[in-house]
Protein backbone atom coordinates (compact mmCIF):
# COMPACT_ATOMS: atom_id res chain seq x y z
CA UNK A 1 -31.88 89.68 -24.80
CA UNK A 2 -30.64 93.13 -23.82
CA UNK A 3 -33.27 95.84 -24.16
CA UNK A 4 -30.96 98.71 -23.21
CA UNK A 5 -30.64 101.41 -25.85
CA UNK A 6 -27.99 104.13 -25.73
CA UNK A 7 -30.42 106.34 -27.69
CA UNK A 8 -32.52 106.71 -24.53
CA UNK A 9 -30.76 109.35 -22.44
CA UNK A 10 -30.95 108.38 -18.77
CA UNK A 11 -30.86 111.50 -16.54
CA UNK A 12 -31.03 110.51 -12.90
CA UNK A 13 -31.64 112.10 -9.54
CA UNK A 14 -30.28 110.13 -6.57
CA UNK A 15 -32.33 109.92 -3.37
CA UNK A 16 -31.25 108.74 0.07
CA UNK A 17 -32.49 108.77 3.66
CA UNK A 18 -30.02 109.56 6.43
CA UNK A 19 -31.02 108.02 9.75
CA UNK A 20 -28.28 109.28 12.06
CA UNK A 21 -25.15 107.94 10.33
CA UNK A 22 -23.59 109.87 7.47
CA UNK A 23 -24.47 108.34 4.07
CA UNK A 24 -22.12 110.43 1.91
CA UNK A 25 -20.07 107.36 1.00
CA UNK A 26 -23.17 105.37 0.00
CA UNK A 27 -24.42 108.21 -2.17
CA UNK A 28 -21.01 108.64 -3.86
CA UNK A 29 -21.00 104.92 -4.59
CA UNK A 30 -24.58 105.08 -5.86
CA UNK A 31 -23.47 107.79 -8.30
CA UNK A 32 -20.64 105.53 -9.56
CA UNK A 33 -23.09 102.65 -9.94
CA UNK A 34 -25.46 104.88 -11.92
CA UNK A 35 -22.65 105.94 -14.23
CA UNK A 36 -21.58 102.30 -14.64
CA UNK A 37 -25.14 101.58 -15.78
CA UNK A 38 -24.93 104.30 -18.45
CA UNK A 39 -26.75 107.01 -16.52
CA UNK A 40 -26.01 110.73 -16.19
CA UNK A 41 -26.49 111.92 -12.60
CA UNK A 42 -28.06 115.38 -12.65
CA UNK A 43 -29.08 115.80 -9.01
CA UNK A 44 -29.12 114.41 -5.48
CA UNK A 45 -31.61 114.62 -2.62
CA UNK A 46 -30.94 113.45 0.96
CA UNK A 47 -33.55 113.61 3.71
CA UNK A 48 -32.75 113.21 7.40
CA UNK A 49 -35.39 111.07 9.08
CA UNK A 50 -35.73 108.80 12.09
CA UNK A 51 -37.11 106.03 9.91
CA UNK A 52 -37.95 105.32 6.28
CA UNK A 53 -41.53 106.11 5.27
CA UNK A 54 -43.25 102.74 4.61
CA UNK A 55 -45.39 104.17 1.82
CA UNK A 56 -43.13 106.69 0.04
CA UNK A 57 -39.60 106.09 1.46
CA UNK A 58 -39.24 109.87 1.97
CA UNK A 59 -41.80 112.33 3.34
CA UNK A 60 -44.59 113.77 1.21
CA UNK A 61 -42.99 117.22 1.34
CA UNK A 62 -39.67 115.93 -0.01
CA UNK A 63 -41.56 113.94 -2.63
CA UNK A 64 -43.12 117.16 -3.93
CA UNK A 65 -39.68 118.78 -3.89
CA UNK A 66 -38.38 115.81 -5.89
CA UNK A 67 -41.16 116.21 -8.45
CA UNK A 68 -40.22 119.85 -9.02
CA UNK A 69 -36.54 118.89 -9.33
CA UNK A 70 -37.43 116.29 -11.97
CA UNK A 71 -39.13 118.92 -14.09
CA UNK A 72 -36.37 121.51 -13.59
CA UNK A 73 -33.48 119.10 -14.31
CA UNK A 74 -35.19 117.08 -17.03
CA UNK A 75 -34.75 113.87 -15.04
CA UNK A 76 -36.49 110.74 -16.37
CA UNK A 77 -35.30 108.31 -13.70
CA UNK A 78 -35.04 108.41 -9.91
CA UNK A 79 -32.57 106.09 -8.17
CA UNK A 80 -33.06 105.31 -4.48
CA UNK A 81 -30.19 104.35 -2.18
CA UNK A 82 -32.08 101.45 -0.54
CA UNK A 83 -34.27 98.56 -1.64
CA UNK A 84 -37.89 99.60 -2.07
CA UNK A 85 -40.93 97.47 -1.39
CA UNK A 86 -43.53 96.81 -4.08
CA UNK A 87 -45.87 99.31 -2.42
CA UNK A 88 -43.19 102.01 -2.32
CA UNK A 89 -42.29 101.43 -5.95
CA UNK A 90 -45.91 101.77 -7.06
CA UNK A 91 -46.72 104.77 -4.86
CA UNK A 92 -43.61 106.77 -5.79
CA UNK A 93 -43.97 106.07 -9.50
CA UNK A 94 -47.66 107.03 -9.46
CA UNK A 95 -46.78 110.30 -7.71
CA UNK A 96 -43.73 111.29 -9.77
CA UNK A 97 -44.71 109.69 -13.10
CA UNK A 98 -41.10 108.79 -13.94
CA UNK A 99 -39.17 105.54 -13.82
CA UNK A 100 -38.24 104.47 -10.29
CA UNK A 101 -35.13 102.36 -9.62
CA UNK A 102 -33.74 101.24 -6.28
CA UNK A 103 -30.16 100.25 -5.42
CA UNK A 104 -30.88 96.54 -5.90
CA UNK A 105 -32.38 96.99 -9.38
CA UNK A 106 -29.42 99.18 -10.34
CA UNK A 107 -26.84 96.57 -9.28
CA UNK A 108 -28.83 93.78 -10.91
CA UNK A 109 -28.99 95.84 -14.10
CA UNK A 110 -25.19 96.26 -14.17
CA UNK A 111 -24.75 92.54 -13.52
CA UNK A 112 -27.15 91.76 -16.36
CA UNK A 113 -25.17 93.97 -18.73
CA UNK A 114 -21.75 92.57 -17.74
CA UNK A 115 -22.48 88.84 -17.40
CA UNK A 116 -20.73 86.92 -20.18
CA UNK A 117 -20.70 83.21 -19.35
CA UNK A 118 -23.79 81.02 -19.36
CA UNK A 119 -23.46 80.54 -15.60
CA UNK A 120 -23.13 84.28 -14.99
CA UNK A 121 -26.22 85.05 -17.05
CA UNK A 122 -28.25 82.37 -15.28
CA UNK A 123 -27.14 83.62 -11.86
CA UNK A 124 -28.14 87.18 -12.68
CA UNK A 125 -31.50 86.13 -14.13
CA UNK A 126 -32.22 84.07 -11.01
CA UNK A 127 -31.40 87.06 -8.79
CA UNK A 128 -33.64 89.32 -10.90
CA UNK A 129 -36.57 86.91 -10.58
CA UNK A 130 -36.00 86.51 -6.83
CA UNK A 131 -36.12 90.28 -6.51
CA UNK A 132 -39.31 90.61 -8.55
CA UNK A 133 -41.42 87.87 -7.00
CA UNK A 134 -42.38 89.88 -3.86
CA UNK A 135 -42.72 93.09 -5.90
CA UNK A 136 -44.91 91.99 -8.80
CA UNK A 137 -47.62 94.52 -8.00
CA UNK A 138 -45.25 97.45 -7.62
CA UNK A 139 -43.20 96.56 -10.66
CA UNK A 140 -46.19 95.97 -12.88
CA UNK A 141 -46.37 99.47 -14.26
CA UNK A 142 -42.61 99.70 -14.95
CA UNK A 143 -42.44 96.34 -16.62
CA UNK A 144 -45.40 97.01 -18.88
CA UNK A 145 -43.67 100.02 -20.43
CA UNK A 146 -41.91 99.75 -23.75
CA UNK A 147 -38.41 101.07 -24.34
CA UNK A 148 -35.13 100.42 -22.61
CA UNK A 149 -32.98 101.62 -19.80
CA UNK A 150 -32.10 100.64 -16.27
CA UNK A 151 -34.35 98.03 -14.72
CA UNK A 152 -35.62 96.63 -18.03
CA UNK A 153 -32.77 94.28 -18.92
CA UNK A 154 -33.19 90.57 -18.51
CA UNK A 155 -36.38 88.81 -17.42
CA UNK A 156 -39.67 90.64 -17.03
CA UNK A 157 -39.69 93.05 -20.00
CA UNK A 158 -42.81 91.56 -21.56
CA UNK A 159 -45.51 93.02 -19.39
CA UNK A 160 -44.85 91.06 -16.16
CA UNK A 161 -42.95 88.36 -18.06
CA UNK A 162 -45.97 86.27 -17.09
CA UNK A 163 -47.65 85.45 -13.80
CA UNK A 164 -46.09 84.34 -10.51
CA UNK A 165 -46.33 80.64 -11.35
CA UNK A 166 -44.46 81.09 -14.60
CA UNK A 167 -41.68 83.02 -12.80
CA UNK A 168 -41.41 80.33 -10.13
CA UNK A 169 -41.23 77.70 -12.87
CA UNK A 170 -38.45 79.61 -14.61
CA UNK A 171 -36.57 79.95 -11.31
CA UNK A 172 -36.77 76.19 -10.81
CA UNK A 173 -35.40 75.61 -14.34
CA UNK A 174 -32.49 77.98 -13.71
CA UNK A 175 -31.66 76.29 -10.41
CA UNK A 176 -31.52 72.94 -12.16
CA UNK A 177 -29.18 74.30 -14.82
CA UNK A 178 -26.96 75.91 -12.19
CA UNK A 179 -26.86 72.65 -10.24
CA UNK A 180 -25.53 70.87 -13.32
CA UNK A 181 -22.83 73.51 -13.68
CA UNK A 182 -22.06 73.15 -9.97
CA UNK A 183 -21.63 69.38 -10.40
CA UNK A 184 -19.12 70.01 -13.17
CA UNK A 185 -17.26 72.39 -10.88
CA UNK A 186 -17.22 69.76 -8.13
CA UNK A 187 -15.66 67.32 -10.60
CA UNK A 188 -13.00 69.88 -11.51
CA UNK A 189 -12.39 70.57 -7.82
CA UNK A 190 -12.00 66.84 -7.11
CA UNK A 191 -9.40 66.59 -9.89
CA UNK A 192 -7.49 69.54 -8.40
CA UNK A 193 -7.60 67.96 -4.96
CA UNK A 194 -6.34 64.66 -6.34
CA UNK A 195 -3.43 66.41 -8.02
CA UNK A 196 -2.89 68.35 -4.76
CA UNK A 197 -2.32 71.61 -6.64
CA UNK A 198 -2.82 74.62 -4.37
CA UNK A 199 -5.64 77.11 -4.95
CA UNK A 200 -5.35 80.86 -4.34
CA UNK A 201 -8.47 83.06 -4.52
CA UNK A 202 -8.60 86.83 -5.03
CA UNK A 203 -11.40 88.48 -3.05
CA UNK A 204 -12.31 92.08 -2.35
CA UNK A 205 -14.29 95.14 -3.29
CA UNK A 206 -15.24 95.78 -6.89
CA UNK A 207 -12.62 97.81 -8.80
CA UNK A 208 -9.88 97.09 -6.23
CA UNK A 209 -7.69 95.60 -8.98
CA UNK A 210 -8.19 91.84 -8.68
CA UNK A 211 -8.22 91.29 -12.45
CA UNK A 212 -5.11 93.45 -12.85
CA UNK A 213 -3.31 91.33 -10.25
CA UNK A 214 -4.33 88.16 -12.07
CA UNK A 215 -3.02 89.57 -15.35
CA UNK A 216 0.26 90.61 -13.70
CA UNK A 217 0.78 87.05 -12.40
CA UNK A 218 -0.14 85.62 -15.82
CA UNK A 219 2.51 87.90 -17.32
CA UNK A 220 5.06 86.53 -14.84
CA UNK A 221 3.98 83.01 -15.80
CA UNK A 222 4.41 83.95 -19.49
CA UNK A 223 0.70 83.42 -20.17
CA UNK A 224 -0.40 86.87 -21.33
CA UNK A 225 -2.71 85.23 -23.87
CA UNK A 226 -4.78 83.99 -20.91
CA UNK A 227 -5.34 87.53 -19.59
CA UNK A 228 -8.78 88.53 -18.33
CA UNK A 229 -10.67 91.76 -19.03
CA UNK A 230 -9.75 94.67 -16.77
CA UNK A 231 -11.16 98.20 -16.64
CA UNK A 232 -11.25 101.05 -14.10
CA UNK A 233 -14.96 100.76 -13.33
CA UNK A 234 -17.33 99.06 -10.89
CA UNK A 235 -18.07 95.42 -11.81
CA UNK A 236 -15.96 95.42 -14.98
CA UNK A 237 -16.00 91.62 -14.75
CA UNK A 238 -18.51 89.28 -13.13
CA UNK A 239 -17.47 85.81 -14.15
CA UNK A 240 -15.15 83.71 -12.02
CA UNK A 241 -11.88 83.06 -13.85
CA UNK A 242 -9.44 80.27 -13.06
CA UNK A 243 -5.88 80.27 -14.35
CA UNK A 244 -2.91 78.00 -13.67
CA UNK A 245 0.13 80.02 -12.64
CA UNK A 246 3.53 78.37 -13.13
CA UNK A 247 6.37 80.38 -11.63
CA UNK A 248 9.95 80.56 -12.88
CA UNK A 249 10.88 78.27 -9.99
CA UNK A 250 8.37 75.78 -11.45
CA UNK A 251 5.93 75.82 -8.55
CA UNK A 252 2.31 75.84 -9.74
CA UNK A 253 -1.00 76.97 -8.28
CA UNK A 254 -4.52 77.75 -9.48
CA UNK A 255 -5.46 81.44 -9.23
CA UNK A 256 -9.16 82.31 -9.00
CA UNK A 257 -10.56 85.79 -9.63
CA UNK A 258 -13.97 86.15 -7.96
CA UNK A 259 -16.80 88.63 -8.44
CA UNK A 260 -16.22 91.92 -6.61
CA UNK A 261 -18.22 93.02 -3.57
CA UNK A 262 -20.08 96.27 -2.99
CA UNK A 263 -21.93 97.82 -0.05
CA UNK A 264 -25.57 96.77 0.30
CA UNK A 265 -25.02 93.92 -2.17
CA UNK A 266 -28.52 92.47 -2.67
CA UNK A 267 -28.98 89.20 -0.79
CA UNK A 268 -30.50 87.55 -3.84
CA UNK A 269 -27.24 88.18 -5.68
CA UNK A 270 -25.17 86.60 -2.92
CA UNK A 271 -27.54 83.63 -2.95
CA UNK A 272 -27.38 83.34 -6.74
CA UNK A 273 -23.59 83.56 -6.82
CA UNK A 274 -23.06 81.26 -3.82
CA UNK A 275 -22.09 78.31 -6.03
CA UNK A 276 -19.43 80.45 -7.69
CA UNK A 277 -18.24 81.88 -4.38
CA UNK A 278 -17.90 78.34 -3.03
CA UNK A 279 -14.49 78.32 -4.70
CA UNK A 280 -13.38 80.69 -1.95
CA UNK A 281 -14.28 78.10 0.70
CA UNK A 282 -11.94 75.53 -0.85
CA UNK A 283 -9.00 77.86 -1.48
CA UNK A 284 -5.72 77.24 0.36
CA UNK A 285 -5.14 80.98 0.54
CA UNK A 286 -7.34 84.07 0.19
CA UNK A 287 -5.82 87.29 -1.09
CA UNK A 288 -7.97 90.19 0.09
CA UNK A 289 -7.33 93.00 -2.38
CA UNK A 290 -7.84 96.56 -1.10
CA UNK A 291 -7.79 99.75 -3.18
CA UNK A 292 -5.16 101.74 -1.26
CA UNK A 293 -5.82 104.83 -3.38
CA UNK A 294 -9.33 105.16 -1.96
CA UNK A 295 -9.24 107.11 1.29
CA UNK A 296 -12.26 105.32 2.76
CA UNK A 297 -10.86 101.84 2.17
CA UNK A 298 -11.59 100.70 5.78
CA UNK A 299 -15.29 100.76 4.93
CA UNK A 300 -14.69 98.63 1.84
CA UNK A 301 -12.72 96.17 3.98
CA UNK A 302 -15.68 95.94 6.38
CA UNK A 303 -18.02 95.13 3.49
CA UNK A 304 -15.63 92.41 2.24
CA UNK A 305 -15.46 90.93 5.74
CA UNK A 306 -19.24 90.91 5.97
CA UNK A 307 -19.64 89.04 2.66
CA UNK A 308 -16.93 86.52 3.62
CA UNK A 309 -18.84 85.86 6.84
CA UNK A 310 -22.06 85.37 4.89
CA UNK A 311 -20.43 82.65 2.80
CA UNK A 312 -18.64 81.26 5.90
CA UNK A 313 -15.14 81.94 4.54
CA UNK A 314 -13.91 84.42 7.14
CA UNK A 315 -11.59 81.88 8.81
CA UNK A 316 -9.65 80.88 5.68
CA UNK A 317 -5.91 81.60 5.63
CA UNK A 318 -5.61 85.13 4.28
CA UNK A 319 -3.19 87.89 3.36
CA UNK A 320 -4.23 91.48 2.70
CA UNK A 321 -2.80 93.27 -0.32
CA UNK A 322 -3.08 97.04 -0.59
CA UNK A 323 -3.10 97.67 -4.34
CA UNK A 324 -2.69 100.94 -6.31
CA UNK A 325 -0.06 102.33 -3.91
CA UNK A 326 1.27 104.40 -6.80
CA UNK A 327 -1.94 106.45 -6.70
CA UNK A 328 -2.08 107.26 -2.97
CA UNK A 329 -2.76 110.97 -2.40
CA UNK A 330 -3.45 111.02 1.36
CA UNK A 331 -1.54 110.28 4.58
CA UNK A 332 -0.01 106.82 4.10
CA UNK A 333 0.13 106.42 7.88
CA UNK A 334 -3.49 105.27 8.01
CA UNK A 335 -2.66 102.09 6.06
CA UNK A 336 -2.12 99.25 8.56
CA UNK A 337 1.01 97.14 8.60
CA UNK A 338 1.69 93.58 9.66
CA UNK A 339 3.16 90.22 8.73
CA UNK A 340 0.31 89.32 6.37
CA UNK A 341 -0.11 92.79 4.85
CA UNK A 342 1.57 93.76 1.57
CA UNK A 343 1.68 96.90 -0.58
CA UNK A 344 1.75 96.64 -4.36
CA UNK A 345 0.89 98.30 -7.63
CA UNK A 346 -0.33 95.59 -9.97
CA UNK A 347 -0.36 98.15 -12.78
CA UNK A 348 3.34 99.07 -12.69
CA UNK A 349 4.73 96.04 -10.82
CA UNK A 350 5.76 97.66 -7.51
CA UNK A 351 5.99 95.07 -4.72
CA UNK A 352 5.05 92.15 -6.98
CA UNK A 353 8.22 90.16 -6.22
CA UNK A 354 7.52 90.33 -2.48
CA UNK A 355 3.89 89.46 -3.18
CA UNK A 356 4.81 86.31 -5.13
CA UNK A 357 7.36 85.35 -2.46
CA UNK A 358 4.66 85.63 0.22
CA UNK A 359 2.31 83.37 -1.75
CA UNK A 360 5.09 80.81 -2.18
CA UNK A 361 6.01 81.01 1.50
CA UNK A 362 2.46 80.14 2.52
CA UNK A 363 1.22 77.60 -0.02
CA UNK A 364 4.53 75.80 -0.54
CA UNK A 365 5.57 75.71 3.11
CA UNK A 366 5.42 71.90 3.19
CA UNK A 367 7.90 71.40 0.34
CA UNK A 368 10.66 68.89 0.94
CA UNK A 369 14.31 69.16 -0.09
CA UNK A 370 15.27 65.70 -1.28
CA UNK A 371 17.94 63.73 -3.08
CA UNK A 372 16.70 61.00 -5.43
CA UNK A 373 18.42 58.24 -7.35
CA UNK A 374 16.31 57.30 -10.35
CA UNK A 375 17.10 54.18 -12.43
CA UNK A 376 17.65 54.84 -16.12
CA UNK A 377 14.55 52.77 -17.02
CA UNK A 378 12.45 55.35 -15.12
CA UNK A 379 13.36 58.18 -17.43
CA UNK A 380 9.81 59.55 -17.28
CA UNK A 381 10.35 60.34 -13.57
CA UNK A 382 13.61 62.18 -14.26
CA UNK A 383 11.92 64.09 -17.08
CA UNK A 384 8.98 65.06 -14.85
CA UNK A 385 11.25 66.35 -12.08
CA UNK A 386 13.36 68.36 -14.52
CA UNK A 387 10.30 70.03 -16.04
CA UNK A 388 8.21 70.51 -12.90
CA UNK A 389 10.62 71.11 -10.01
CA UNK A 390 13.63 73.30 -9.33
CA UNK A 391 16.56 70.92 -9.71
CA UNK A 392 19.67 72.20 -7.90
CA UNK A 393 21.95 69.30 -8.79
CA UNK A 394 21.87 66.50 -11.37
CA UNK A 395 24.46 63.76 -12.02
CA UNK A 396 24.52 60.60 -14.11
CA UNK A 397 25.86 57.70 -12.04
CA UNK A 398 26.32 53.99 -12.67
CA UNK A 399 23.05 53.22 -10.85
CA UNK A 400 20.93 55.96 -12.40
CA UNK A 401 20.26 59.70 -12.41
CA UNK A 402 21.04 61.51 -9.14
CA UNK A 403 18.82 64.56 -8.60
CA UNK A 404 18.65 67.08 -5.77
CA UNK A 405 15.46 69.14 -5.85
CA UNK A 406 12.59 70.59 -3.84
CA UNK A 407 9.37 68.56 -3.96
CA UNK A 408 5.76 69.24 -3.18
CA UNK A 409 4.45 66.86 -0.55
CA UNK A 410 2.35 65.14 -3.25
CA UNK A 411 5.41 64.61 -5.49
CA UNK A 412 7.47 63.44 -2.54
CA UNK A 413 4.86 60.78 -1.71
CA UNK A 414 4.57 59.78 -5.39
CA UNK A 415 8.34 59.25 -5.84
CA UNK A 416 9.27 58.28 -2.29
CA UNK A 417 10.73 54.97 -3.53
CA UNK A 418 13.51 56.89 -5.30
CA UNK A 419 14.35 59.20 -2.37
CA UNK A 420 17.72 58.42 -0.79
CA UNK A 421 17.74 61.32 1.67
CA UNK A 422 15.71 64.31 2.84
CA UNK A 423 17.30 67.62 3.65
CA UNK A 424 16.37 70.59 5.81
CA UNK A 425 15.81 74.00 4.27
CA UNK A 426 19.47 74.90 4.86
CA UNK A 427 20.60 71.75 3.05
CA UNK A 428 21.62 69.77 6.15
CA UNK A 429 20.86 66.06 5.91
CA UNK A 430 18.02 64.70 8.01
């Protein structure tokens, strides 16, 4: 049950610690995350330190400064750029007497709000419980409060939800339910493998345009009714969507839209979503989607690479697609180029033809040009080829139906008995 209430105005101050490296990007992203959670950002505080204070995250002097800022700005929530320990949560909240939220809670809260499917909701709840187990003492005061807002969605609203044993029991139940869902996915994957249909997975940073790309390809495949939700915001969609794309040339593949990545993505979320992200491991091609309109896209690419390494998918065949090229407002020269790099605008269709051609070039590279002679009594074979392959020539002869077409390797093996000759790509007989 969602406890969030829009009647409670969330006015937040963001807090970060800078230990040498510039954290401007992280703080900008934290502001976007706060807004995505329904929060108004009214202030920001950054302290330069050699290390994070183990008791208060920031120094006592800055903490007093933060308390004054809360009163002056009317802030009722403080959002920290890093994960806080249970001790830090308790100490800071006792000192400031306002709600304390760290980056992990904020992301978990957004996930809780956006999860739609049963699997998505279970994954988020599991991640929330994994986060709370080591922080039960620190979170106790927050969780005992009534009312809504960030950090109170999902499990744990009723006091502490219960004790540690109850939480562990609930986690075990969720894992069992997720395992059942995973078994169903394995069955579906086995069916796909048997049919030898190729799988293409969209991966990348949140709000890079993966869902828009999926919808553009569904439009090409004349399946607009299968469109997925898209919105210009962080984590607009969380659930993994699978759609069959059938091109005008009759080639088919499964397109998978995965959950978006973000910097400092909590490990418990990666663990919880691992079963879903497994689809990436079995894809024939990964399409890494990059928001070309964002000037600091190299950082987002680094985050994507890091997550792919965590799930052991960094070596999968991949192409990189720079999306939103229609919105670029900086020097285009910083965008890399290469054989497996494309530039598109999924919104208005720029570069989509080249994009589709590249997908076809990679996943249908083993297609065979063949001539088949199919006896009239095997009309089902002729019908299948006409509906599912690009037939370049078809004649009715005394011995049966003569068809020249391009076959997937699986179709070639299935109908090899009817093949009378194979041809090279240029049409020359083999």
